[in-house]
């Protein structure tokens, strides 16, 4: 495979990807993950630089790929009251030698 973000022995942590957004825009968000059986990944929302916990998070559907990789996919329409979409690529390892790799992270704006 190509380049990937690697988390090794991380007890609890995440990589963040942020994108300015406008209400009503639609996005396809995808990423590939390998190594973690249940990665805690999803979209959360910010407004004015602060997280808005009243806006529900969105979580991916996973599809299997080759070589132990899986692709996470989220399709979302930006809700009212937010100005930034935050993709959390999170992991929680139980042992120092556990690894999780994230690759091919992509945010695609869809036409209306």
C-alpha atoms as a PDB file:
ATOM      1  CA  UNK A   1       0.000   0.000   0.000  1.00  0.00           C
ATOM      2  CA  UNK A   2       0.862   3.667  -0.106  1.00  0.00           C
ATOM      3  CA  UNK A   3       1.310   6.223   2.646  1.00  0.00           C
ATOM      4  CA  UNK A   4      -0.813   5.864   5.771  1.00  0.00           C
ATOM      5  CA  UNK A   5      -1.293   7.443   9.191  1.00  0.00           C
ATOM      6  CA  UNK A   6       0.001   4.958  11.761  1.00  0.00           C
ATOM      7  CA  UNK A   7      -1.093   4.707  15.389  1.00  0.00           C
ATOM      8  CA  UNK A   8       0.862   2.122  17.408  1.00  0.00           C
ATOM      9  CA  UNK A   9       0.124   1.331  21.050  1.00  0.00           C
ATOM     10  CA  UNK A  10      -2.170   4.354  21.395  1.00  0.00           C
ATOM     11  CA  UNK A  11      -4.353   3.793  24.447  1.00  0.00           C
ATOM     12  CA  UNK A  12      -6.870   6.363  23.251  1.00  0.00           C
ATOM     13  CA  UNK A  13      -6.341   8.993  20.556  1.00  0.00           C
ATOM     14  CA  UNK A  14      -7.354  10.251  17.167  1.00  0.00           C
ATOM     15  CA  UNK A  15      -6.301  12.012  14.012  1.00  0.00           C
ATOM     16  CA  UNK A  16      -8.481  14.991  13.054  1.00  0.00           C
ATOM     17  CA  UNK A  17      -9.322  16.348   9.609  1.00  0.00           C
ATOM     18  CA  UNK A  18     -11.341  19.582   9.464  1.00  0.00           C
ATOM     19  CA  UNK A  19     -13.138  21.230   6.560  1.00  0.00           C
ATOM     20  CA  UNK A  20     -15.028  24.552   6.469  1.00  0.00           C
ATOM     21  CA  UNK A  21     -18.612  23.932   5.329  1.00  0.00           C
ATOM     22  CA  UNK A  22     -21.873  25.753   4.639  1.00  0.00           C
ATOM     23  CA  UNK A  23     -25.402  24.713   5.538  1.00  0.00           C
ATOM     24  CA  UNK A  24     -26.985  22.420   2.968  1.00  0.00           C
ATOM     25  CA  UNK A  25     -23.770  21.302   1.247  1.00  0.00           C
ATOM     26  CA  UNK A  26     -23.457  17.550   0.683  1.00  0.00           C
ATOM     27  CA  UNK A  27     -20.273  15.540   1.147  1.00  0.00           C
ATOM     28  CA  UNK A  28     -19.012  12.027   0.605  1.00  0.00           C
ATOM     29  CA  UNK A  29     -16.361  11.251   3.211  1.00  0.00           C
ATOM     30  CA  UNK A  30     -14.251   8.114   2.969  1.00  0.00           C
ATOM     31  CA  UNK A  31     -11.149   6.558   4.482  1.00  0.00           C
ATOM     32  CA  UNK A  32      -9.468   3.177   4.608  1.00  0.00           C
ATOM     33  CA  UNK A  33      -8.547   1.506   7.906  1.00  0.00           C
ATOM     34  CA  UNK A  34      -6.528  -1.577   8.803  1.00  0.00           C
ATOM     35  CA  UNK A  35      -5.718  -3.204  12.111  1.00  0.00           C
ATOM     36  CA  UNK A  36      -8.465  -1.990  14.419  1.00  0.00           C
ATOM     37  CA  UNK A  37     -11.467  -4.284  14.712  1.00  0.00           C
ATOM     38  CA  UNK A  38     -13.798  -1.470  15.764  1.00  0.00           C
ATOM     39  CA  UNK A  39     -12.327   1.962  14.956  1.00  0.00           C
ATOM     40  CA  UNK A  40     -14.253   4.801  16.574  1.00  0.00           C
ATOM     41  CA  UNK A  41     -14.481   7.129  13.615  1.00  0.00           C
ATOM     42  CA  UNK A  42     -17.064   9.672  12.629  1.00  0.00           C
ATOM     43  CA  UNK A  43     -18.030  13.230  11.781  1.00  0.00           C
ATOM     44  CA  UNK A  44     -18.664  15.852  14.403  1.00  0.00           C
ATOM     45  CA  UNK A  45     -19.530  19.499  13.957  1.00  0.00           C
ATOM     46  CA  UNK A  46     -18.115  22.836  15.033  1.00  0.00           C
ATOM     47  CA  UNK A  47     -19.484  26.353  15.046  1.00  0.00           C
ATOM     48  CA  UNK A  48     -17.149  29.295  15.606  1.00  0.00           C
ATOM     49  CA  UNK A  49     -14.285  26.948  16.553  1.00  0.00           C
ATOM     50  CA  UNK A  50     -16.190  25.094  19.286  1.00  0.00           C
ATOM     51  CA  UNK A  51     -17.786  21.661  19.052  1.00  0.00           C
ATOM     52  CA  UNK A  52     -21.577  21.706  18.934  1.00  0.00           C
ATOM     53  CA  UNK A  53     -22.586  18.590  20.867  1.00  0.00           C
ATOM     54  CA  UNK A  54     -26.285  19.241  20.141  1.00  0.00           C
ATOM     55  CA  UNK A  55     -25.810  18.343  16.461  1.00  0.00           C
ATOM     56  CA  UNK A  56     -25.771  14.543  16.084  1.00  0.00           C
ATOM     57  CA  UNK A  57     -22.515  12.942  14.947  1.00  0.00           C
ATOM     58  CA  UNK A  58     -22.486  10.781  11.808  1.00  0.00           C
ATOM     59  CA  UNK A  59     -20.760   7.394  11.652  1.00  0.00           C
ATOM     60  CA  UNK A  60     -19.416   5.367   8.705  1.00  0.00           C
ATOM     61  CA  UNK A  61     -20.624   2.224   7.060  1.00  0.00           C
ATOM     62  CA  UNK A  62     -17.682  -0.121   6.405  1.00  0.00           C
ATOM     63  CA  UNK A  63     -17.022  -2.296   3.374  1.00  0.00           C
ATOM     64  CA  UNK A  64     -14.247  -4.917   3.176  1.00  0.00           C
ATOM     65  CA  UNK A  65     -11.259  -4.384   0.890  1.00  0.00           C
ATOM     66  CA  UNK A  66      -8.292  -6.665   0.167  1.00  0.00           C
ATOM     67  CA  UNK A  67      -5.344  -7.261   2.484  1.00  0.00           C
ATOM     68  CA  UNK A  68      -7.272  -6.679   5.715  1.00  0.00           C
ATOM     69  CA  UNK A  69      -8.265  -3.106   4.828  1.00  0.00           C
ATOM     70  CA  UNK A  70     -11.817  -1.764   5.171  1.00  0.00           C
ATOM     71  CA  UNK A  71     -13.303   1.409   3.697  1.00  0.00           C
ATOM     72  CA  UNK A  72     -15.409   3.691   5.865  1.00  0.00           C
ATOM     73  CA  UNK A  73     -17.982   5.777   3.983  1.00  0.00           C
ATOM     74  CA  UNK A  74     -20.233   8.608   5.194  1.00  0.00           C
ATOM     75  CA  UNK A  75     -22.613  10.683   3.051  1.00  0.00           C
ATOM     76  CA  UNK A  76     -23.846  13.798   4.809  1.00  0.00           C
ATOM     77  CA  UNK A  77     -25.729  17.050   4.286  1.00  0.00           C
ATOM     78  CA  UNK A  78     -24.382  19.887   6.450  1.00  0.00           C
ATOM     79  CA  UNK A  79     -26.943  20.755   9.139  1.00  0.00           C
ATOM     80  CA  UNK A  80     -27.953  24.248  10.305  1.00  0.00           C
ATOM     81  CA  UNK A  81     -25.850  26.059  12.868  1.00  0.00           C
ATOM     82  CA  UNK A  82     -22.407  24.680  11.997  1.00  0.00           C
ATOM     83  CA  UNK A  83     -19.491  25.994   9.951  1.00  0.00           C
ATOM     84  CA  UNK A  84     -16.911  23.188  10.149  1.00  0.00           C
ATOM     85  CA  UNK A  85     -17.007  19.431   9.662  1.00  0.00           C
ATOM     86  CA  UNK A  86     -14.507  17.418  11.734  1.00  0.00           C
ATOM     87  CA  UNK A  87     -13.575  13.855  10.763  1.00  0.00           C
ATOM     88  CA  UNK A  88     -12.273  11.909  13.764  1.00  0.00           C
ATOM     89  CA  UNK A  89     -10.139   8.865  12.946  1.00  0.00           C
ATOM     90  CA  UNK A  90      -9.942   7.359  16.425  1.00  0.00           C
ATOM     91  CA  UNK A  91      -8.314   4.300  17.893  1.00  0.00           C
ATOM     92  CA  UNK A  92      -8.112   2.613  21.278  1.00  0.00           C
ATOM     93  CA  UNK A  93      -5.398  -0.033  21.714  1.00  0.00           C
ATOM     94  CA  UNK A  94      -5.093  -2.489  24.564  1.00  0.00           C
ATOM     95  CA  UNK A  95      -1.428  -3.406  23.941  1.00  0.00           C
ATOM     96  CA  UNK A  96       1.760  -1.526  23.036  1.00  0.00           C
ATOM     97  CA  UNK A  97       2.232  -3.519  19.826  1.00  0.00           C
ATOM     98  CA  UNK A  98      -1.289  -2.994  18.423  1.00  0.00           C
ATOM     99  CA  UNK A  99      -1.403  -0.931  15.234  1.00  0.00           C
ATOM    100  CA  UNK A 100      -4.064   0.908  13.285  1.00  0.00           C
ATOM    101  CA  UNK A 101      -3.444   2.437   9.871  1.00  0.00           C
ATOM    102  CA  UNK A 102      -5.622   5.031   8.144  1.00  0.00           C
ATOM    103  CA  UNK A 103      -5.147   5.789   4.455  1.00  0.00           C
ATOM    104  CA  UNK A 104      -6.857   7.378   1.444  1.00  0.00           C
ATOM    105  CA  UNK A 105      -8.739   9.943   3.514  1.00  0.00           C
ATOM    106  CA  UNK A 106     -10.963  11.946   1.165  1.00  0.00           C
ATOM    107  CA  UNK A 107     -13.704  14.565   1.410  1.00  0.00           C
ATOM    108  CA  UNK A 108     -15.713  15.039  -1.788  1.00  0.00           C
ATOM    109  CA  UNK A 109     -18.235  17.829  -2.134  1.00  0.00           C
ATOM    110  CA  UNK A 110     -21.265  16.551  -4.044  1.00  0.00           C
ATOM    111  CA  UNK A 111     -23.261  18.675  -6.470  1.00  0.00           C
ATOM    112  CA  UNK A 112     -26.777  19.569  -5.423  1.00  0.00           C
END
